[in-house]
Amino acid sequence: MNRLSRVKIEWSHNFAYAIGLIATDGSLSKDGRHINLTSKDEEMIKTFKQCLNIENNIGHKARKKGEEKKYFQIQFGDKNFYEFLNSIGLSSAKSKTIGSLKIPSKYFADF
């Protein structure tokens, strides 16, 4: 992997699961590089890290400024993975643009 890549882009059961988490609870930044996953479920965030084999720290955030930080989040930059996500149908405006995603049928149940 080069410096633009943190995630090994290779379909597996874990990889498909992580893609599913991004599709449901994640977001892609408009900068073309950063991926974020936020959840109240810390174990889900930990599983996501393991599935993608990334080492980034898990942070905390609040829904609104001044509120208790009760959400867990992980954010990382990976230009190649971001472009891969775009190629299978995810985008930074996914809630407005998401359609069917290109997931191999072998891994669709994990997705």
PDB file of N, CA and C in Angstrom:
ATOM      1  N   MET A   1       0.843  -1.191   0.000  1.00  0.00           N
ATOM      2  CA  MET A   1       0.000   0.000   0.000  1.00  0.00           C
ATOM      3  C   MET A   1       0.885   1.249   0.000  1.00  0.00           C
ATOM      4  N   ASN A   2       0.430   2.272  -0.670  1.00  0.00           N
ATOM      5  CA  ASN A   2       1.186   3.514  -0.678  1.00  0.00           C
ATOM      6  C   ASN A   2       0.633   4.458   0.387  1.00  0.00           C
ATOM      7  N   ARG A   3       1.187   5.640   0.467  1.00  0.00           N
ATOM      8  CA  ARG A   3       0.794   6.571   1.527  1.00  0.00           C
ATOM      9  C   ARG A   3      -0.645   7.082   1.378  1.00  0.00           C
ATOM     10  N   LEU A   4      -1.239   6.904   0.207  1.00  0.00           N
ATOM     11  CA  LEU A   4      -2.623   7.312   0.015  1.00  0.00           C
ATOM     12  C   LEU A   4      -3.603   6.233   0.473  1.00  0.00           C
ATOM     13  N   SER A   5      -3.086   5.050   0.818  1.00  0.00           N
ATOM     14  CA  SER A   5      -3.947   3.920   1.164  1.00  0.00           C
ATOM     15  C   SER A   5      -3.705   3.454   2.594  1.00  0.00           C
ATOM     16  N   ARG A   6      -4.776   3.300   3.333  1.00  0.00           N
ATOM     17  CA  ARG A   6      -4.731   2.671   4.648  1.00  0.00           C
ATOM     18  C   ARG A   6      -5.491   1.363   4.631  1.00  0.00           C
ATOM     19  N   VAL A   7      -6.480   1.282   3.768  1.00  0.00           N
ATOM     20  CA  VAL A   7      -7.365   0.127   3.701  1.00  0.00           C
ATOM     21  C   VAL A   7      -6.980  -0.732   2.504  1.00  0.00           C
ATOM     22  N   LYS A   8      -6.845  -2.033   2.766  1.00  0.00           N
ATOM     23  CA  LYS A   8      -6.595  -2.969   1.676  1.00  0.00           C
ATOM     24  C   LYS A   8      -7.928  -3.221   0.976  1.00  0.00           C
ATOM     25  N   ILE A   9      -7.990  -2.892  -0.288  1.00  0.00           N
ATOM     26  CA  ILE A   9      -9.228  -3.038  -1.054  1.00  0.00           C
ATOM     27  C   ILE A   9      -9.261  -4.440  -1.643  1.00  0.00           C
ATOM     28  N   GLU A  10      -9.916  -5.320  -0.891  1.00  0.00           N
ATOM     29  CA  GLU A  10     -10.046  -6.713  -1.295  1.00  0.00           C
ATOM     30  C   GLU A  10     -11.323  -7.255  -0.665  1.00  0.00           C
ATOM     31  N   TRP A  11     -12.232  -7.746  -1.494  1.00  0.00           N
ATOM     32  CA  TRP A  11     -13.510  -8.225  -0.980  1.00  0.00           C
ATOM     33  C   TRP A  11     -13.312  -9.420  -0.060  1.00  0.00           C
ATOM     34  N   SER A  12     -13.974  -9.346   1.077  1.00  0.00           N
ATOM     35  CA  SER A  12     -14.025 -10.423   2.062  1.00  0.00           C
ATOM     36  C   SER A  12     -15.300 -10.204   2.862  1.00  0.00           C
ATOM     37  N   HIS A  13     -15.622 -11.126   3.735  1.00  0.00           N
ATOM     38  CA  HIS A  13     -16.818 -10.975   4.565  1.00  0.00           C
ATOM     39  C   HIS A  13     -16.691  -9.736   5.459  1.00  0.00           C
ATOM     40  N   ASN A  14     -15.519  -9.544   6.064  1.00  0.00           N
ATOM     41  CA  ASN A  14     -15.301  -8.385   6.938  1.00  0.00           C
ATOM     42  C   ASN A  14     -15.327  -7.075   6.148  1.00  0.00           C
ATOM     43  N   PHE A  15     -14.717  -7.078   4.976  1.00  0.00           N
ATOM     44  CA  PHE A  15     -14.686  -5.881   4.135  1.00  0.00           C
ATOM     45  C   PHE A  15     -16.109  -5.484   3.742  1.00  0.00           C
ATOM     46  N   ALA A  16     -16.921  -6.462   3.344  1.00  0.00           N
ATOM     47  CA  ALA A  16     -18.311  -6.186   2.962  1.00  0.00           C
ATOM     48  C   ALA A  16     -19.102  -5.646   4.148  1.00  0.00           C
ATOM     49  N   TYR A  17     -18.874  -6.179   5.339  1.00  0.00           N
ATOM     50  CA  TYR A  17     -19.555  -5.698   6.538  1.00  0.00           C
ATOM     51  C   TYR A  17     -19.206  -4.234   6.796  1.00  0.00           C
ATOM     52  N   ALA A  18     -17.924  -3.907   6.682  1.00  0.00           N
ATOM     53  CA  ALA A  18     -17.490  -2.523   6.884  1.00  0.00           C
ATOM     54  C   ALA A  18     -18.124  -1.584   5.861  1.00  0.00           C
ATOM     55  N   ILE A  19     -18.228  -2.022   4.608  1.00  0.00           N
ATOM     56  CA  ILE A  19     -18.876  -1.214   3.567  1.00  0.00           C
ATOM     57  C   ILE A  19     -20.342  -0.979   3.946  1.00  0.00           C
ATOM     58  N   GLY A  20     -21.000  -1.998   4.466  1.00  0.00           N
ATOM     59  CA  GLY A  20     -22.388  -1.856   4.906  1.00  0.00           C
ATOM     60  C   GLY A  20     -22.528  -0.833   6.019  1.00  0.00           C
ATOM     61  N   LEU A  21     -21.576  -0.829   6.956  1.00  0.00           N
ATOM     62  CA  LEU A  21     -21.613   0.168   8.030  1.00  0.00           C
ATOM     63  C   LEU A  21     -21.438   1.580   7.480  1.00  0.00           C
ATOM     64  N   ILE A  22     -20.549   1.732   6.518  1.00  0.00           N
ATOM     65  CA  ILE A  22     -20.361   3.060   5.910  1.00  0.00           C
ATOM     66  C   ILE A  22     -21.646   3.479   5.196  1.00  0.00           C
ATOM     67  N   ALA A  23     -22.271   2.541   4.497  1.00  0.00           N
ATOM     68  CA  ALA A  23     -23.498   2.858   3.752  1.00  0.00           C
ATOM     69  C   ALA A  23     -24.638   3.269   4.685  1.00  0.00           C
ATOM     70  N   THR A  24     -24.693   2.697   5.882  1.00  0.00           N
ATOM     71  CA  THR A  24     -25.806   2.996   6.791  1.00  0.00           C
ATOM     72  C   THR A  24     -25.489   4.111   7.785  1.00  0.00           C
ATOM     73  N   ASP A  25     -24.356   4.040   8.438  1.00  0.00           N
ATOM     74  CA  ASP A  25     -24.038   4.980   9.523  1.00  0.00           C
ATOM     75  C   ASP A  25     -22.821   5.852   9.246  1.00  0.00           C
ATOM     76  N   GLY A  26     -22.217   5.700   8.101  1.00  0.00           N
ATOM     77  CA  GLY A  26     -20.998   6.441   7.793  1.00  0.00           C
ATOM     78  C   GLY A  26     -21.242   7.627   6.889  1.00  0.00           C
ATOM     79  N   SER A  27     -20.150   8.331   6.643  1.00  0.00           N
ATOM     80  CA  SER A  27     -20.227   9.456   5.712  1.00  0.00           C
ATOM     81  C   SER A  27     -18.880   9.638   5.022  1.00  0.00           C
ATOM     82  N   LEU A  28     -18.948  10.189   3.841  1.00  0.00           N
ATOM     83  CA  LEU A  28     -17.765  10.525   3.073  1.00  0.00           C
ATOM     84  C   LEU A  28     -17.678  12.037   3.009  1.00  0.00           C
ATOM     85  N   SER A  29     -16.524  12.551   3.373  1.00  0.00           N
ATOM     86  CA  SER A  29     -16.309  13.988   3.365  1.00  0.00           C
ATOM     87  C   SER A  29     -16.299  14.502   1.922  1.00  0.00           C
ATOM     88  N   LYS A  30     -16.609  15.767   1.778  1.00  0.00           N
ATOM     89  CA  LYS A  30     -16.582  16.384   0.443  1.00  0.00           C
ATOM     90  C   LYS A  30     -15.162  16.585  -0.065  1.00  0.00           C
ATOM     91  N   ASP A  31     -14.146  16.388   0.810  1.00  0.00           N
ATOM     92  CA  ASP A  31     -12.760  16.624   0.408  1.00  0.00           C
ATOM     93  C   ASP A  31     -12.177  15.508  -0.459  1.00  0.00           C
ATOM     94  N   GLY A  32     -12.937  14.422  -0.656  1.00  0.00           N
ATOM     95  CA  GLY A  32     -12.471  13.347  -1.515  1.00  0.00           C
ATOM     96  C   GLY A  32     -11.475  12.414  -0.862  1.00  0.00           C
ATOM     97  N   ARG A  33     -11.409  12.443   0.474  1.00  0.00           N
ATOM     98  CA  ARG A  33     -10.393  11.646   1.150  1.00  0.00           C
ATOM     99  C   ARG A  33     -10.845  11.032   2.470  1.00  0.00           C
ATOM    100  N   HIS A  34     -11.663  11.720   3.243  1.00  0.00           N
ATOM    101  CA  HIS A  34     -11.990  11.271   4.597  1.00  0.00           C
ATOM    102  C   HIS A  34     -13.293  10.476   4.677  1.00  0.00           C
ATOM    103  N   ILE A  35     -13.221   9.423   5.491  1.00  0.00           N
ATOM    104  CA  ILE A  35     -14.372   8.557   5.764  1.00  0.00           C
ATOM    105  C   ILE A  35     -14.626   8.624   7.260  1.00  0.00           C
ATOM    106  N   ASN A  36     -15.901   8.719   7.658  1.00  0.00           N
ATOM    107  CA  ASN A  36     -16.267   8.832   9.068  1.00  0.00           C
ATOM    108  C   ASN A  36     -17.367   7.824   9.374  1.00  0.00           C
ATOM    109  N   LEU A  37     -17.284   7.225  10.564  1.00  0.00           N
ATOM    110  CA  LEU A  37     -18.354   6.368  11.061  1.00  0.00           C
ATOM    111  C   LEU A  37     -18.648   6.807  12.483  1.00  0.00           C
ATOM    112  N   THR A  38     -19.907   7.079  12.766  1.00  0.00           N
ATOM    113  CA  THR A  38     -20.344   7.540  14.081  1.00  0.00           C
ATOM    114  C   THR A  38     -21.469   6.646  14.574  1.00  0.00           C
ATOM    115  N   SER A  39     -21.415   6.302  15.866  1.00  0.00           N
ATOM    116  CA  SER A  39     -22.443   5.436  16.443  1.00  0.00           C
ATOM    117  C   SER A  39     -22.447   5.563  17.962  1.00  0.00           C
ATOM    118  N   LYS A  40     -23.587   5.242  18.563  1.00  0.00           N
ATOM    119  CA  LYS A  40     -23.644   5.120  20.024  1.00  0.00           C
ATOM    120  C   LYS A  40     -23.016   3.807  20.482  1.00  0.00           C
ATOM    121  N   ASP A  41     -22.837   2.889  19.555  1.00  0.00           N
ATOM    122  CA  ASP A  41     -22.335   1.547  19.850  1.00  0.00           C
ATOM    123  C   ASP A  41     -20.815   1.484  19.660  1.00  0.00           C
ATOM    124  N   GLU A  42     -20.082   1.551  20.764  1.00  0.00           N
ATOM    125  CA  GLU A  42     -18.620   1.527  20.685  1.00  0.00           C
ATOM    126  C   GLU A  42     -18.103   0.209  20.103  1.00  0.00           C
ATOM    127  N   GLU A  43     -18.754  -0.898  20.427  1.00  0.00           N
ATOM    128  CA  GLU A  43     -18.318  -2.198  19.903  1.00  0.00           C
ATOM    129  C   GLU A  43     -18.410  -2.242  18.385  1.00  0.00           C
ATOM    130  N   MET A  44     -19.432  -1.599  17.824  1.00  0.00           N
ATOM    131  CA  MET A  44     -19.565  -1.555  16.373  1.00  0.00           C
ATOM    132  C   MET A  44     -18.386  -0.792  15.761  1.00  0.00           C
ATOM    133  N   ILE A  45     -17.998   0.308  16.384  1.00  0.00           N
ATOM    134  CA  ILE A  45     -16.855   1.080  15.884  1.00  0.00           C
ATOM    135  C   ILE A  45     -15.573   0.246  15.967  1.00  0.00           C
ATOM    136  N   LYS A  46     -15.408  -0.483  17.060  1.00  0.00           N
ATOM    137  CA  LYS A  46     -14.228  -1.348  17.214  1.00  0.00           C
ATOM    138  C   LYS A  46     -14.214  -2.448  16.155  1.00  0.00           C
ATOM    139  N   THR A  47     -15.372  -3.028  15.899  1.00  0.00           N
ATOM    140  CA  THR A  47     -15.472  -4.068  14.868  1.00  0.00           C
ATOM    141  C   THR A  47     -15.132  -3.495  13.500  1.00  0.00           C
ATOM    142  N   PHE A  48     -15.609  -2.287  13.220  1.00  0.00           N
ATOM    143  CA  PHE A  48     -15.313  -1.594  11.966  1.00  0.00           C
ATOM    144  C   PHE A  48     -13.800  -1.439  11.792  1.00  0.00           C
ATOM    145  N   LYS A  49     -13.130  -0.993  12.842  1.00  0.00           N
ATOM    146  CA  LYS A  49     -11.662  -0.842  12.801  1.00  0.00           C
ATOM    147  C   LYS A  49     -10.990  -2.160  12.462  1.00  0.00           C
ATOM    148  N   GLN A  50     -11.453  -3.233  13.102  1.00  0.00           N
ATOM    149  CA  GLN A  50     -10.863  -4.552  12.866  1.00  0.00           C
ATOM    150  C   GLN A  50     -11.124  -5.026  11.440  1.00  0.00           C
ATOM    151  N   CYS A  51     -12.325  -4.798  10.959  1.00  0.00           N
ATOM    152  CA  CYS A  51     -12.674  -5.241   9.607  1.00  0.00           C
ATOM    153  C   CYS A  51     -11.802  -4.579   8.547  1.00  0.00           C
ATOM    154  N   LEU A  52     -11.464  -3.318   8.753  1.00  0.00           N
ATOM    155  CA  LEU A  52     -10.649  -2.594   7.779  1.00  0.00           C
ATOM    156  C   LEU A  52      -9.167  -2.569   8.151  1.00  0.00           C
ATOM    157  N   ASN A  53      -8.846  -3.140   9.316  1.00  0.00           N
ATOM    158  CA  ASN A  53      -7.462  -3.193   9.794  1.00  0.00           C
ATOM    159  C   ASN A  53      -6.831  -1.798   9.838  1.00  0.00           C
ATOM    160  N   ILE A  54      -7.554  -0.867  10.470  1.00  0.00           N
ATOM    161  CA  ILE A  54      -7.034   0.485  10.647  1.00  0.00           C
ATOM    162  C   ILE A  54      -6.742   0.718  12.128  1.00  0.00           C
ATOM    163  N   GLU A  55      -5.822   1.614  12.406  1.00  0.00           N
ATOM    164  CA  GLU A  55      -5.348   1.842  13.769  1.00  0.00           C
ATOM    165  C   GLU A  55      -5.818   3.169  14.371  1.00  0.00           C
ATOM    166  N   ASN A  56      -6.617   3.920  13.671  1.00  0.00           N
ATOM    167  CA  ASN A  56      -7.038   5.230  14.157  1.00  0.00           C
ATOM    168  C   ASN A  56      -7.735   5.134  15.505  1.00  0.00           C
ATOM    169  N   ASN A  57      -7.587   6.193  16.296  1.00  0.00           N
ATOM    170  CA  ASN A  57      -8.248   6.254  17.595  1.00  0.00           C
ATOM    171  C   ASN A  57      -9.741   6.478  17.430  1.00  0.00           C
ATOM    172  N   ILE A  58     -10.487   5.987  18.405  1.00  0.00           N
ATOM    173  CA  ILE A  58     -11.924   6.221  18.454  1.00  0.00           C
ATOM    174  C   ILE A  58     -12.147   7.486  19.266  1.00  0.00           C
ATOM    175  N   GLY A  59     -12.857   8.442  18.701  1.00  0.00           N
ATOM    176  CA  GLY A  59     -13.148   9.705  19.382  1.00  0.00           C
ATOM    177  C   GLY A  59     -14.570   9.727  19.903  1.00  0.00           C
ATOM    178  N   HIS A  60     -14.915  10.824  20.527  1.00  0.00           N
ATOM    179  CA  HIS A  60     -16.266  11.045  21.051  1.00  0.00           C
ATOM    180  C   HIS A  60     -16.805  12.335  20.454  1.00  0.00           C
ATOM    181  N   LYS A  61     -18.109  12.369  20.261  1.00  0.00           N
ATOM    182  CA  LYS A  61     -18.712  13.605  19.778  1.00  0.00           C
ATOM    183  C   LYS A  61     -20.145  13.712  20.269  1.00  0.00           C
ATOM    184  N   ALA A  62     -20.625  14.940  20.274  1.00  0.00           N
ATOM    185  CA  ALA A  62     -22.005  15.231  20.655  1.00  0.00           C
ATOM    186  C   ALA A  62     -22.811  15.496  19.393  1.00  0.00           C
ATOM    187  N   ARG A  63     -24.095  15.347  19.499  1.00  0.00           N
ATOM    188  CA  ARG A  63     -24.966  15.649  18.374  1.00  0.00           C
ATOM    189  C   ARG A  63     -24.978  17.155  18.103  1.00  0.00           C
ATOM    190  N   LYS A  64     -25.042  17.935  19.180  1.00  0.00           N
ATOM    191  CA  LYS A  64     -25.046  19.390  19.066  1.00  0.00           C
ATOM    192  C   LYS A  64     -23.988  19.967  20.000  1.00  0.00           C
ATOM    193  N   LYS A  65     -23.546  21.145  19.681  1.00  0.00           N
ATOM    194  CA  LYS A  65     -22.551  21.820  20.513  1.00  0.00           C
ATOM    195  C   LYS A  65     -23.078  21.980  21.944  1.00  0.00           C
ATOM    196  N   GLY A  66     -22.249  21.656  22.901  1.00  0.00           N
ATOM    197  CA  GLY A  66     -22.620  21.814  24.299  1.00  0.00           C
ATOM    198  C   GLY A  66     -23.277  20.593  24.915  1.00  0.00           C
ATOM    199  N   GLU A  67     -23.689  19.637  24.103  1.00  0.00           N
ATOM    200  CA  GLU A  67     -24.294  18.423  24.631  1.00  0.00           C
ATOM    201  C   GLU A  67     -23.209  17.450  25.082  1.00  0.00           C
ATOM    202  N   GLU A  68     -23.632  16.461  25.857  1.00  0.00           N
ATOM    203  CA  GLU A  68     -22.732  15.401  26.291  1.00  0.00           C
ATOM    204  C   GLU A  68     -22.233  14.629  25.066  1.00  0.00           C
ATOM    205  N   LYS A  69     -20.964  14.291  25.069  1.00  0.00           N
ATOM    206  CA  LYS A  69     -20.365  13.547  23.957  1.00  0.00           C
ATOM    207  C   LYS A  69     -20.630  12.060  24.160  1.00  0.00           C
ATOM    208  N   LYS A  70     -21.797  11.610  23.703  1.00  0.00           N
ATOM    209  CA  LYS A  70     -22.183  10.226  23.922  1.00  0.00           C
ATOM    210  C   LYS A  70     -22.103   9.360  22.668  1.00  0.00           C
ATOM    211  N   TYR A  71     -21.570   9.900  21.592  1.00  0.00           N
ATOM    212  CA  TYR A  71     -21.404   9.145  20.359  1.00  0.00           C
ATOM    213  C   TYR A  71     -19.931   8.831  20.157  1.00  0.00           C
ATOM    214  N   PHE A  72     -19.670   7.656  19.604  1.00  0.00           N
ATOM    215  CA  PHE A  72     -18.312   7.251  19.277  1.00  0.00           C
ATOM    216  C   PHE A  72     -18.113   7.467  17.782  1.00  0.00           C
ATOM    217  N   GLN A  73     -16.891   7.845  17.409  1.00  0.00           N
ATOM    218  CA  GLN A  73     -16.634   8.048  15.983  1.00  0.00           C
ATOM    219  C   GLN A  73     -15.208   7.683  15.646  1.00  0.00           C
ATOM    220  N   ILE A  74     -15.049   7.300  14.414  1.00  0.00           N
ATOM    221  CA  ILE A  74     -13.720   7.087  13.864  1.00  0.00           C
ATOM    222  C   ILE A  74     -13.697   7.775  12.503  1.00  0.00           C
ATOM    223  N   GLN A  75     -12.602   8.453  12.248  1.00  0.00           N
ATOM    224  CA  GLN A  75     -12.426   9.149  10.973  1.00  0.00           C
ATOM    225  C   GLN A  75     -11.020   8.880  10.489  1.00  0.00           C
ATOM    226  N   PHE A  76     -10.899   8.659   9.196  1.00  0.00           N
ATOM    227  CA  PHE A  76      -9.573   8.446   8.625  1.00  0.00           C
ATOM    228  C   PHE A  76      -9.564   8.903   7.178  1.00  0.00           C
ATOM    229  N   GLY A  77      -8.389   9.214   6.707  1.00  0.00           N
ATOM    230  CA  GLY A  77      -8.217   9.627   5.322  1.00  0.00           C
ATOM    231  C   GLY A  77      -7.590   8.513   4.508  1.00  0.00           C
ATOM    232  N   ASP A  78      -8.166   8.243   3.358  1.00  0.00           N
ATOM    233  CA  ASP A  78      -7.644   7.232   2.450  1.00  0.00           C
ATOM    234  C   ASP A  78      -8.228   7.523   1.068  1.00  0.00           C
ATOM    235  N   LYS A  79      -7.444   8.193   0.253  1.00  0.00           N
ATOM    236  CA  LYS A  79      -7.924   8.627  -1.053  1.00  0.00           C
ATOM    237  C   LYS A  79      -8.325   7.450  -1.943  1.00  0.00           C
ATOM    238  N   ASN A  80      -7.530   6.394  -1.959  1.00  0.00           N
ATOM    239  CA  ASN A  80      -7.841   5.240  -2.811  1.00  0.00           C
ATOM    240  C   ASN A  80      -9.118   4.539  -2.355  1.00  0.00           C
ATOM    241  N   PHE A  81      -9.285   4.350  -1.052  1.00  0.00           N
ATOM    242  CA  PHE A  81     -10.494   3.711  -0.537  1.00  0.00           C
ATOM    243  C   PHE A  81     -11.707   4.586  -0.818  1.00  0.00           C
ATOM    244  N   TYR A  82     -11.556   5.893  -0.646  1.00  0.00           N
ATOM    245  CA  TYR A  82     -12.633   6.835  -0.940  1.00  0.00           C
ATOM    246  C   TYR A  82     -13.069   6.694  -2.407  1.00  0.00           C
ATOM    247  N   GLU A  83     -12.098   6.644  -3.313  1.00  0.00           N
ATOM    248  CA  GLU A  83     -12.414   6.504  -4.736  1.00  0.00           C
ATOM    249  C   GLU A  83     -13.068   5.154  -5.018  1.00  0.00           C
ATOM    250  N   PHE A  84     -12.631   4.113  -4.307  1.00  0.00           N
ATOM    251  CA  PHE A  84     -13.267   2.815  -4.442  1.00  0.00           C
ATOM    252  C   PHE A  84     -14.732   2.899  -4.004  1.00  0.00           C
ATOM    253  N   LEU A  85     -14.988   3.549  -2.873  1.00  0.00           N
ATOM    254  CA  LEU A  85     -16.368   3.700  -2.388  1.00  0.00           C
ATOM    255  C   LEU A  85     -17.223   4.436  -3.414  1.00  0.00           C
ATOM    256  N   ASN A  86     -16.653   5.466  -4.036  1.00  0.00           N
ATOM    257  CA  ASN A  86     -17.372   6.169  -5.112  1.00  0.00           C
ATOM    258  C   ASN A  86     -17.682   5.217  -6.266  1.00  0.00           C
ATOM    259  N   SER A  87     -16.728   4.356  -6.602  1.00  0.00           N
ATOM    260  CA  SER A  87     -16.897   3.464  -7.757  1.00  0.00           C
ATOM    261  C   SER A  87     -17.986   2.412  -7.539  1.00  0.00           C
ATOM    262  N   ILE A  88     -18.301   2.102  -6.254  1.00  0.00           N
ATOM    263  CA  ILE A  88     -19.368   1.118  -6.008  1.00  0.00           C
ATOM    264  C   ILE A  88     -20.711   1.788  -5.721  1.00  0.00           C
ATOM    265  N   GLY A  89     -20.737   3.130  -5.740  1.00  0.00           N
ATOM    266  CA  GLY A  89     -22.009   3.836  -5.631  1.00  0.00           C
ATOM    267  C   GLY A  89     -22.199   4.703  -4.401  1.00  0.00           C
ATOM    268  N   LEU A  90     -21.189   4.834  -3.542  1.00  0.00           N
ATOM    269  CA  LEU A  90     -21.297   5.732  -2.386  1.00  0.00           C
ATOM    270  C   LEU A  90     -20.706   7.089  -2.734  1.00  0.00           C
ATOM    271  N   SER A  91     -21.268   8.134  -2.147  1.00  0.00           N
ATOM    272  CA  SER A  91     -20.756   9.479  -2.407  1.00  0.00           C
ATOM    273  C   SER A  91     -20.895  10.327  -1.155  1.00  0.00           C
ATOM    274  N   SER A  92     -20.348  11.533  -1.210  1.00  0.00           N
ATOM    275  CA  SER A  92     -20.409  12.424  -0.044  1.00  0.00           C
ATOM    276  C   SER A  92     -21.835  12.880   0.247  1.00  0.00           C
ATOM    277  N   ALA A  93     -22.701  12.842  -0.712  1.00  0.00           N
ATOM    278  CA  ALA A  93     -24.098  13.233  -0.503  1.00  0.00           C
ATOM    279  C   ALA A  93     -24.987  11.990  -0.564  1.00  0.00           C
ATOM    280  N   LYS A  94     -24.534  10.904   0.098  1.00  0.00           N
ATOM    281  CA  LYS A  94     -25.195   9.609  -0.088  1.00  0.00           C
ATOM    282  C   LYS A  94     -26.668   9.601   0.280  1.00  0.00           C
ATOM    283  N   SER A  95     -27.057  10.383   1.281  1.00  0.00           N
ATOM    284  CA  SER A  95     -28.475  10.361   1.662  1.00  0.00           C
ATOM    285  C   SER A  95     -29.368  10.893   0.544  1.00  0.00           C
ATOM    286  N   LYS A  96     -28.803  11.687  -0.348  1.00  0.00           N
ATOM    287  CA  LYS A  96     -29.583  12.239  -1.463  1.00  0.00           C
ATOM    288  C   LYS A  96     -29.363  11.492  -2.771  1.00  0.00           C
ATOM    289  N   THR A  97     -28.268  10.715  -2.830  1.00  0.00           N
ATOM    290  CA  THR A  97     -27.899  10.118  -4.112  1.00  0.00           C
ATOM    291  C   THR A  97     -27.804   8.604  -4.107  1.00  0.00           C
ATOM    292  N   ILE A  98     -27.896   7.968  -2.951  1.00  0.00           N
ATOM    293  CA  ILE A  98     -27.636   6.524  -2.891  1.00  0.00           C
ATOM    294  C   ILE A  98     -28.673   5.742  -3.690  1.00  0.00           C
ATOM    295  N   GLY A  99     -28.151   4.816  -4.420  1.00  0.00           N
ATOM    296  CA  GLY A  99     -28.982   3.886  -5.178  1.00  0.00           C
ATOM    297  C   GLY A  99     -28.474   2.494  -4.866  1.00  0.00           C
ATOM    298  N   SER A 100     -28.534   1.611  -5.824  1.00  0.00           N
ATOM    299  CA  SER A 100     -27.993   0.277  -5.585  1.00  0.00           C
ATOM    300  C   SER A 100     -26.468   0.355  -5.600  1.00  0.00           C
ATOM    301  N   LEU A 101     -25.873  -0.431  -4.737  1.00  0.00           N
ATOM    302  CA  LEU A 101     -24.416  -0.456  -4.643  1.00  0.00           C
ATOM    303  C   LEU A 101     -23.878  -1.714  -5.312  1.00  0.00           C
ATOM    304  N   LYS A 102     -22.680  -1.607  -5.835  1.00  0.00           N
ATOM    305  CA  LYS A 102     -22.051  -2.729  -6.538  1.00  0.00           C
ATOM    306  C   LYS A 102     -21.321  -3.609  -5.530  1.00  0.00           C
ATOM    307  N   ILE A 103     -22.064  -4.557  -4.948  1.00  0.00           N
ATOM    308  CA  ILE A 103     -21.523  -5.487  -3.964  1.00  0.00           C
ATOM    309  C   ILE A 103     -21.536  -6.879  -4.595  1.00  0.00           C
ATOM    310  N   PRO A 104     -20.408  -7.579  -4.601  1.00  0.00           N
ATOM    311  CA  PRO A 104     -20.415  -8.931  -5.164  1.00  0.00           C
ATOM    312  C   PRO A 104     -21.445  -9.814  -4.450  1.00  0.00           C
ATOM    313  N   SER A 105     -22.199 -10.596  -5.200  1.00  0.00           N
ATOM    314  CA  SER A 105     -23.255 -11.407  -4.606  1.00  0.00           C
ATOM    315  C   SER A 105     -22.736 -12.343  -3.514  1.00  0.00           C
ATOM    316  N   LYS A 106     -21.513 -12.793  -3.642  1.00  0.00           N
ATOM    317  CA  LYS A 106     -20.910 -13.681  -2.640  1.00  0.00           C
ATOM    318  C   LYS A 106     -20.850 -13.029  -1.259  1.00  0.00           C
ATOM    319  N   TYR A 107     -20.748 -11.685  -1.217  1.00  0.00           N
ATOM    320  CA  TYR A 107     -20.590 -10.966   0.052  1.00  0.00           C
ATOM    321  C   TYR A 107     -21.807 -10.133   0.434  1.00  0.00           C
ATOM    322  N   PHE A 108     -22.872 -10.244  -0.345  1.00  0.00           N
ATOM    323  CA  PHE A 108     -24.028  -9.373  -0.086  1.00  0.00           C
ATOM    324  C   PHE A 108     -24.641  -9.612   1.291  1.00  0.00           C
ATOM    325  N   ALA A 109     -24.691 -10.837   1.751  1.00  0.00           N
ATOM    326  CA  ALA A 109     -25.267 -11.128   3.086  1.00  0.00           C
ATOM    327  C   ALA A 109     -24.457 -10.457   4.188  1.00  0.00           C
ATOM    328  N   ASP A 110     -23.147 -10.343   4.014  1.00  0.00           N
ATOM    329  CA  ASP A 110     -22.301  -9.674   5.017  1.00  0.00           C
ATOM    330  C   ASP A 110     -22.472  -8.172   4.974  1.00  0.00           C
ATOM    331  N   PHE A 111     -22.742  -7.652   3.786  1.00  0.00           N
ATOM    332  CA  PHE A 111     -22.968  -6.233   3.592  1.00  0.00           C
ATOM    333  C   PHE A 111     -24.217  -5.825   4.348  1.00  0.00           C
TER     334      PHE A 111
END
